[in-house]
Amino acid sequence: MNKTACIYIQERDGTTSFLEPLVEHIKHVFGPVIVGYDIDSEDDPLEIIYQTISNADTVFFFGHGTSDRLYASTVDNLTLFDKNNIDLLSGKRLFLLSCNSADFVKKQRLNKAFGFGMLPTSLDDARKWKNLHGIHIEDFTRNDISIYNHALVEILINAITVDSMADYFLLKEKINFQTSVEIVKCLLQHKDNAKYRDMADLLYYFQNDILIQ
């Protein structure tokens, strides 16, 4: 029987809270064991995560990352996975929703992995990166980021199913279709927003930067 684990990093700064509807969807569809970095735990929170995924065939990761690591907490600057313990993910079916997880997948030579490009899901991201695919995201407002985040969650909720998780190319097709839906919504419903065209372009690059390996 396929066993699924979902690592949901609930950052204390609130930067991942927008993902809660997606996590609820994963709970409903897959019935996974949900685990995260719990600083209030009496046990080692990292060991709890590692032990949970050791028994899983499929692992969802929802949190922050860079091209060389996935974080247990960016607030505490605490690494969850990097080159030193990447073997913990070996052989598992991976869905890694974090910034630059596509580069992480390539660098760590992971198989059966689904990764993403840069995802400017906070104002700090936008101010740090400033320019993404020629789009001046440093000018984005909190409302712009909220619209973008909502669209990402809607895309993934409508694309992730039992069937699509079994076939990553089907998942990519479903994400492409749902992204087109959200781009149309953005162009039609947010014309009063000065950055609506840029947000639509960002959604295009969201799908375009996906890596399947």
C-alpha atoms as a PDB file:
ATOM      1  CA  MET A   1       0.000   0.000   0.000  1.00  0.00           C
ATOM      2  CA  ASN A   2       1.322   3.417  -0.940  1.00  0.00           C
ATOM      3  CA  LYS A   3       2.202   5.531   2.094  1.00  0.00           C
ATOM      4  CA  THR A   4       2.193   9.301   1.826  1.00  0.00           C
ATOM      5  CA  ALA A   5       3.830  11.904   4.052  1.00  0.00           C
ATOM      6  CA  CYS A   6       3.309  15.662   3.832  1.00  0.00           C
ATOM      7  CA  ILE A   7       5.970  17.921   5.309  1.00  0.00           C
ATOM      8  CA  TYR A   8       4.284  21.266   5.892  1.00  0.00           C
ATOM      9  CA  ILE A   9       6.624  23.892   7.307  1.00  0.00           C
ATOM     10  CA  GLN A  10       4.465  26.419   9.138  1.00  0.00           C
ATOM     11  CA  GLU A  11       6.868  29.322   9.422  1.00  0.00           C
ATOM     12  CA  ARG A  12       6.383  31.565  12.444  1.00  0.00           C
ATOM     13  CA  ASP A  13       6.562  34.629  10.191  1.00  0.00           C
ATOM     14  CA  GLY A  14       3.409  33.475   8.388  1.00  0.00           C
ATOM     15  CA  THR A  15       5.047  33.205   4.961  1.00  0.00           C
ATOM     16  CA  THR A  16       3.680  29.705   4.321  1.00  0.00           C
ATOM     17  CA  SER A  17       0.211  30.099   5.846  1.00  0.00           C
ATOM     18  CA  PHE A  18      -1.351  30.686   2.406  1.00  0.00           C
ATOM     19  CA  LEU A  19      -0.680  27.009   1.653  1.00  0.00           C
ATOM     20  CA  GLU A  20      -3.135  25.714   4.266  1.00  0.00           C
ATOM     21  CA  PRO A  21      -5.985  25.123   1.754  1.00  0.00           C
ATOM     22  CA  LEU A  22      -3.589  23.062  -0.360  1.00  0.00           C
ATOM     23  CA  VAL A  23      -2.517  21.021   2.658  1.00  0.00           C
ATOM     24  CA  GLU A  24      -6.184  20.380   3.471  1.00  0.00           C
ATOM     25  CA  HIS A  25      -6.665  19.161  -0.110  1.00  0.00           C
ATOM     26  CA  ILE A  26      -3.715  16.774   0.243  1.00  0.00           C
ATOM     27  CA  LYS A  27      -5.193  15.495   3.524  1.00  0.00           C
ATOM     28  CA  HIS A  28      -8.546  14.841   1.872  1.00  0.00           C
ATOM     29  CA  VAL A  29      -7.181  13.134  -1.249  1.00  0.00           C
ATOM     30  CA  PHE A  30      -4.218  11.165   0.093  1.00  0.00           C
ATOM     31  CA  GLY A  31      -4.758  10.838   3.830  1.00  0.00           C
ATOM     32  CA  PRO A  32      -1.064  11.460   4.510  1.00  0.00           C
ATOM     33  CA  VAL A  33       0.831  11.687   7.754  1.00  0.00           C
ATOM     34  CA  ILE A  34       1.308  15.439   8.265  1.00  0.00           C
ATOM     35  CA  VAL A  35       4.549  16.513   9.895  1.00  0.00           C
ATOM     36  CA  GLY A  36       6.402  19.782  10.361  1.00  0.00           C
ATOM     37  CA  TYR A  37       9.054  21.557  12.395  1.00  0.00           C
ATOM     38  CA  ASP A  38       7.471  21.791  15.858  1.00  0.00           C
ATOM     39  CA  ILE A  39       9.639  23.848  18.214  1.00  0.00           C
ATOM     40  CA  ASP A  40       7.320  22.981  21.115  1.00  0.00           C
ATOM     41  CA  SER A  41       7.868  19.247  20.749  1.00  0.00           C
ATOM     42  CA  GLU A  42       9.614  17.467  23.597  1.00  0.00           C
ATOM     43  CA  ASP A  43      11.293  15.221  21.017  1.00  0.00           C
ATOM     44  CA  ASP A  44      13.744  16.283  18.307  1.00  0.00           C
ATOM     45  CA  PRO A  45      11.476  17.863  15.641  1.00  0.00           C
ATOM     46  CA  LEU A  46      13.860  17.025  12.818  1.00  0.00           C
ATOM     47  CA  GLU A  47      14.070  13.376  13.828  1.00  0.00           C
ATOM     48  CA  ILE A  48      10.271  13.200  13.891  1.00  0.00           C
ATOM     49  CA  ILE A  49      10.195  14.398  10.272  1.00  0.00           C
ATOM     50  CA  TYR A  50      12.940  12.020   9.208  1.00  0.00           C
ATOM     51  CA  GLN A  51      11.285   9.061  10.900  1.00  0.00           C
ATOM     52  CA  THR A  52       7.914   9.892   9.345  1.00  0.00           C
ATOM     53  CA  ILE A  53       9.232  10.050   5.788  1.00  0.00           C
ATOM     54  CA  SER A  54      11.318   6.908   6.227  1.00  0.00           C
ATOM     55  CA  ASN A  55       8.067   4.938   6.081  1.00  0.00           C
ATOM     56  CA  ALA A  56       6.649   6.847   3.106  1.00  0.00           C
ATOM     57  CA  ASP A  57       6.683   6.094  -0.610  1.00  0.00           C
ATOM     58  CA  THR A  58       5.452   9.565  -1.587  1.00  0.00           C
ATOM     59  CA  VAL A  59       6.592  12.801   0.066  1.00  0.00           C
ATOM     60  CA  PHE A  60       5.070  16.250  -0.352  1.00  0.00           C
ATOM     61  CA  PHE A  61       7.185  19.176   0.864  1.00  0.00           C
ATOM     62  CA  PHE A  62       5.555  22.579   1.321  1.00  0.00           C
ATOM     63  CA  GLY A  63       7.969  25.198   2.620  1.00  0.00           C
ATOM     64  CA  HIS A  64      10.991  27.297   1.779  1.00  0.00           C
ATOM     65  CA  GLY A  65      14.074  26.268  -0.118  1.00  0.00           C
ATOM     66  CA  THR A  66      17.025  27.277  -2.246  1.00  0.00           C
ATOM     67  CA  SER A  67      18.926  25.518  -4.994  1.00  0.00           C
ATOM     68  CA  ASP A  68      21.012  23.619  -2.446  1.00  0.00           C
ATOM     69  CA  ARG A  69      18.668  22.968   0.491  1.00  0.00           C
ATOM     70  CA  LEU A  70      15.151  22.654   1.845  1.00  0.00           C
ATOM     71  CA  TYR A  71      14.503  24.379   5.149  1.00  0.00           C
ATOM     72  CA  ALA A  72      12.932  23.156   8.367  1.00  0.00           C
ATOM     73  CA  SER A  73      12.755  26.842   9.295  1.00  0.00           C
ATOM     74  CA  THR A  74      14.072  29.942   7.570  1.00  0.00           C
ATOM     75  CA  VAL A  75      13.306  31.946  10.723  1.00  0.00           C
ATOM     76  CA  ASP A  76      15.800  29.743  12.599  1.00  0.00           C
ATOM     77  CA  ASN A  77      18.004  29.231   9.512  1.00  0.00           C
ATOM     78  CA  LEU A  78      17.667  25.486  10.023  1.00  0.00           C
ATOM     79  CA  THR A  79      18.234  23.081   7.130  1.00  0.00           C
ATOM     80  CA  LEU A  80      16.023  20.026   6.713  1.00  0.00           C
ATOM     81  CA  PHE A  81      17.602  18.468   3.596  1.00  0.00           C
ATOM     82  CA  ASP A  82      20.857  19.181   1.791  1.00  0.00           C
ATOM     83  CA  LYS A  83      23.697  17.206   0.218  1.00  0.00           C
ATOM     84  CA  ASN A  84      24.656  15.763   3.605  1.00  0.00           C
ATOM     85  CA  ASN A  85      21.415  13.838   4.127  1.00  0.00           C
ATOM     86  CA  ILE A  86      19.862  13.711   0.669  1.00  0.00           C
ATOM     87  CA  ASP A  87      19.855   9.923   0.865  1.00  0.00           C
ATOM     88  CA  LEU A  88      16.792  10.238   3.127  1.00  0.00           C
ATOM     89  CA  LEU A  89      14.788  11.208   0.023  1.00  0.00           C
ATOM     90  CA  SER A  90      16.274   8.583  -2.244  1.00  0.00           C
ATOM     91  CA  GLY A  91      13.789   6.276  -3.961  1.00  0.00           C
ATOM     92  CA  LYS A  92      10.734   8.277  -2.895  1.00  0.00           C
ATOM     93  CA  ARG A  93       8.217  10.003  -5.128  1.00  0.00           C
ATOM     94  CA  LEU A  94       8.733  13.696  -4.407  1.00  0.00           C
ATOM     95  CA  PHE A  95       6.634  16.824  -4.852  1.00  0.00           C
ATOM     96  CA  LEU A  96       8.739  19.753  -3.652  1.00  0.00           C
ATOM     97  CA  LEU A  97       6.865  23.055  -3.525  1.00  0.00           C
ATOM     98  CA  SER A  98       9.517  25.587  -2.605  1.00  0.00           C
ATOM     99  CA  CYS A  99      11.597  28.243  -4.276  1.00  0.00           C
ATOM    100  CA  ASN A 100      14.171  26.796  -6.672  1.00  0.00           C
ATOM    101  CA  SER A 101      13.323  23.177  -5.876  1.00  0.00           C
ATOM    102  CA  ALA A 102      13.878  22.416  -9.572  1.00  0.00           C
ATOM    103  CA  ASP A 103      17.550  23.381  -9.158  1.00  0.00           C
ATOM    104  CA  PHE A 104      17.661  21.394  -5.901  1.00  0.00           C
ATOM    105  CA  VAL A 105      16.353  18.318  -7.718  1.00  0.00           C
ATOM    106  CA  LYS A 106      18.991  18.683 -10.439  1.00  0.00           C
ATOM    107  CA  LYS A 107      21.895  19.344  -8.079  1.00  0.00           C
ATOM    108  CA  GLN A 108      21.021  16.421  -5.830  1.00  0.00           C
ATOM    109  CA  ARG A 109      20.279  14.149  -8.804  1.00  0.00           C
ATOM    110  CA  LEU A 110      16.926  13.113  -7.387  1.00  0.00           C
ATOM    111  CA  ASN A 111      14.659  10.795  -9.339  1.00  0.00           C
ATOM    112  CA  LYS A 112      10.860  10.653  -9.397  1.00  0.00           C
ATOM    113  CA  ALA A 113      10.872  14.317  -8.378  1.00  0.00           C
ATOM    114  CA  PHE A 114       8.682  17.311  -9.275  1.00  0.00           C
ATOM    115  CA  GLY A 115      10.257  20.730  -8.673  1.00  0.00           C
ATOM    116  CA  PHE A 116       9.595  24.428  -9.239  1.00  0.00           C
ATOM    117  CA  GLY A 117      11.475  27.614 -10.063  1.00  0.00           C
ATOM    118  CA  MET A 118      11.595  30.841  -8.079  1.00  0.00           C
ATOM    119  CA  LEU A 119       8.231  31.508  -6.400  1.00  0.00           C
ATOM    120  CA  PRO A 120       7.906  35.097  -5.132  1.00  0.00           C
ATOM    121  CA  THR A 121       5.292  34.337  -2.470  1.00  0.00           C
ATOM    122  CA  SER A 122       6.242  37.107  -0.031  1.00  0.00           C
ATOM    123  CA  LEU A 123       7.195  40.765  -0.160  1.00  0.00           C
ATOM    124  CA  ASP A 124      10.648  39.836   1.096  1.00  0.00           C
ATOM    125  CA  ASP A 125      11.076  37.525  -1.911  1.00  0.00           C
ATOM    126  CA  ALA A 126       9.999  40.284  -4.280  1.00  0.00           C
ATOM    127  CA  ARG A 127      12.324  42.859  -2.728  1.00  0.00           C
ATOM    128  CA  LYS A 128      15.240  40.407  -2.665  1.00  0.00           C
ATOM    129  CA  TRP A 129      14.961  39.129  -6.239  1.00  0.00           C
ATOM    130  CA  LYS A 130      13.748  42.429  -7.751  1.00  0.00           C
ATOM    131  CA  ASN A 131      13.672  41.097 -11.305  1.00  0.00           C
ATOM    132  CA  LEU A 132      12.342  37.690 -12.309  1.00  0.00           C
ATOM    133  CA  HIS A 133      12.148  36.698 -15.967  1.00  0.00           C
ATOM    134  CA  GLY A 134      12.321  40.392 -16.814  1.00  0.00           C
ATOM    135  CA  ILE A 135       9.398  41.241 -14.512  1.00  0.00           C
ATOM    136  CA  HIS A 136      10.062  43.962 -11.925  1.00  0.00           C
ATOM    137  CA  ILE A 137       8.623  42.146  -8.935  1.00  0.00           C
ATOM    138  CA  GLU A 138      10.255  44.578  -6.518  1.00  0.00           C
ATOM    139  CA  ASP A 139       7.311  46.888  -7.277  1.00  0.00           C
ATOM    140  CA  PHE A 140       4.701  44.327  -6.221  1.00  0.00           C
ATOM    141  CA  THR A 141       2.410  45.177  -3.313  1.00  0.00           C
ATOM    142  CA  ARG A 142       1.178  42.854  -0.575  1.00  0.00           C
ATOM    143  CA  ASN A 143      -2.102  42.582  -2.475  1.00  0.00           C
ATOM    144  CA  ASP A 144      -0.282  41.567  -5.678  1.00  0.00           C
ATOM    145  CA  ILE A 145       1.512  38.800  -3.789  1.00  0.00           C
ATOM    146  CA  SER A 146      -1.768  37.656  -2.240  1.00  0.00           C
ATOM    147  CA  ILE A 147      -3.423  37.373  -5.666  1.00  0.00           C
ATOM    148  CA  TYR A 148      -0.439  35.420  -7.010  1.00  0.00           C
ATOM    149  CA  ASN A 149      -0.405  33.072  -4.002  1.00  0.00           C
ATOM    150  CA  HIS A 150      -4.136  32.429  -4.245  1.00  0.00           C
ATOM    151  CA  ALA A 151      -3.743  31.543  -7.923  1.00  0.00           C
ATOM    152  CA  LEU A 152      -0.920  29.086  -7.184  1.00  0.00           C
ATOM    153  CA  VAL A 153      -2.991  27.310  -4.572  1.00  0.00           C
ATOM    154  CA  GLU A 154      -6.023  27.112  -6.865  1.00  0.00           C
ATOM    155  CA  ILE A 155      -3.892  25.689  -9.684  1.00  0.00           C
ATOM    156  CA  LEU A 156      -2.414  22.954  -7.509  1.00  0.00           C
ATOM    157  CA  ILE A 157      -5.656  22.036  -5.753  1.00  0.00           C
ATOM    158  CA  ASN A 158      -7.286  21.463  -9.123  1.00  0.00           C
ATOM    159  CA  ALA A 159      -4.292  19.652 -10.627  1.00  0.00           C
ATOM    160  CA  ILE A 160      -3.185  17.286  -7.872  1.00  0.00           C
ATOM    161  CA  THR A 161      -5.144  14.034  -7.885  1.00  0.00           C
ATOM    162  CA  VAL A 162      -4.334  10.396  -7.207  1.00  0.00           C
ATOM    163  CA  ASP A 163      -4.009   9.804 -10.957  1.00  0.00           C
ATOM    164  CA  SER A 164      -1.821  12.835 -11.642  1.00  0.00           C
ATOM    165  CA  MET A 165       0.531  12.062  -8.768  1.00  0.00           C
ATOM    166  CA  ALA A 166       1.024   8.630 -10.321  1.00  0.00           C
ATOM    167  CA  ASP A 167       1.997  10.242 -13.648  1.00  0.00           C
ATOM    168  CA  TYR A 168       4.027  13.451 -13.375  1.00  0.00           C
ATOM    169  CA  PHE A 169       3.569  14.261 -17.055  1.00  0.00           C
ATOM    170  CA  LEU A 170      -0.201  14.167 -16.538  1.00  0.00           C
ATOM    171  CA  LEU A 171       0.269  16.395 -13.496  1.00  0.00           C
ATOM    172  CA  LYS A 172       2.262  18.863 -15.587  1.00  0.00           C
ATOM    173  CA  GLU A 173      -0.505  18.912 -18.221  1.00  0.00           C
ATOM    174  CA  LYS A 174      -3.128  19.551 -15.571  1.00  0.00           C
ATOM    175  CA  ILE A 175      -1.034  22.334 -14.045  1.00  0.00           C
ATOM    176  CA  ASN A 176      -0.600  23.899 -17.490  1.00  0.00           C
ATOM    177  CA  PHE A 177      -4.360  23.860 -18.047  1.00  0.00           C
ATOM    178  CA  GLN A 178      -5.204  25.223 -14.606  1.00  0.00           C
ATOM    179  CA  THR A 179      -2.550  27.906 -14.972  1.00  0.00           C
ATOM    180  CA  SER A 180      -4.200  29.052 -18.198  1.00  0.00           C
ATOM    181  CA  VAL A 181      -7.484  29.303 -16.290  1.00  0.00           C
ATOM    182  CA  GLU A 182      -5.877  31.449 -13.596  1.00  0.00           C
ATOM    183  CA  ILE A 183      -4.109  33.639 -16.170  1.00  0.00           C
ATOM    184  CA  VAL A 184      -7.463  34.378 -17.817  1.00  0.00           C
ATOM    185  CA  LYS A 185      -8.974  35.180 -14.416  1.00  0.00           C
ATOM    186  CA  CYS A 186      -6.094  37.518 -13.690  1.00  0.00           C
ATOM    187  CA  LEU A 187      -6.478  39.350 -16.996  1.00  0.00           C
ATOM    188  CA  LEU A 188     -10.249  39.677 -16.665  1.00  0.00           C
ATOM    189  CA  GLN A 189     -10.777  40.188 -12.941  1.00  0.00           C
ATOM    190  CA  HIS A 190      -7.799  42.294 -11.902  1.00  0.00           C
ATOM    191  CA  LYS A 191      -7.612  44.992 -14.568  1.00  0.00           C
ATOM    192  CA  ASP A 192      -7.898  47.610 -11.842  1.00  0.00           C
ATOM    193  CA  ASN A 193      -4.557  46.387 -10.519  1.00  0.00           C
ATOM    194  CA  ALA A 194      -1.543  48.147 -12.053  1.00  0.00           C
ATOM    195  CA  LYS A 195       0.465  44.895 -12.032  1.00  0.00           C
ATOM    196  CA  TYR A 196      -2.171  42.553 -13.430  1.00  0.00           C
ATOM    197  CA  ARG A 197      -0.236  41.840 -16.634  1.00  0.00           C
ATOM    198  CA  ASP A 198       2.936  41.134 -14.676  1.00  0.00           C
ATOM    199  CA  MET A 199       1.073  38.737 -12.389  1.00  0.00           C
ATOM    200  CA  ALA A 200      -0.294  36.913 -15.425  1.00  0.00           C
ATOM    201  CA  ASP A 201       3.247  36.635 -16.799  1.00  0.00           C
ATOM    202  CA  LEU A 202       4.500  35.283 -13.465  1.00  0.00           C
ATOM    203  CA  LEU A 203       1.878  32.556 -13.578  1.00  0.00           C
ATOM    204  CA  TYR A 204       3.095  31.609 -17.038  1.00  0.00           C
ATOM    205  CA  TYR A 205       6.655  31.277 -15.742  1.00  0.00           C
ATOM    206  CA  PHE A 206       5.409  29.307 -12.728  1.00  0.00           C
ATOM    207  CA  GLN A 207       4.350  26.506 -15.077  1.00  0.00           C
ATOM    208  CA  ASN A 208       7.245  27.002 -17.459  1.00  0.00           C
ATOM    209  CA  ASP A 209       9.894  26.585 -14.753  1.00  0.00           C
ATOM    210  CA  ILE A 210       8.612  23.202 -13.555  1.00  0.00           C
ATOM    211  CA  LEU A 211      11.115  20.360 -13.657  1.00  0.00           C
ATOM    212  CA  ILE A 212      10.273  16.653 -13.777  1.00  0.00           C
ATOM    213  CA  GLN A 213      13.185  14.319 -13.152  1.00  0.00           C
END
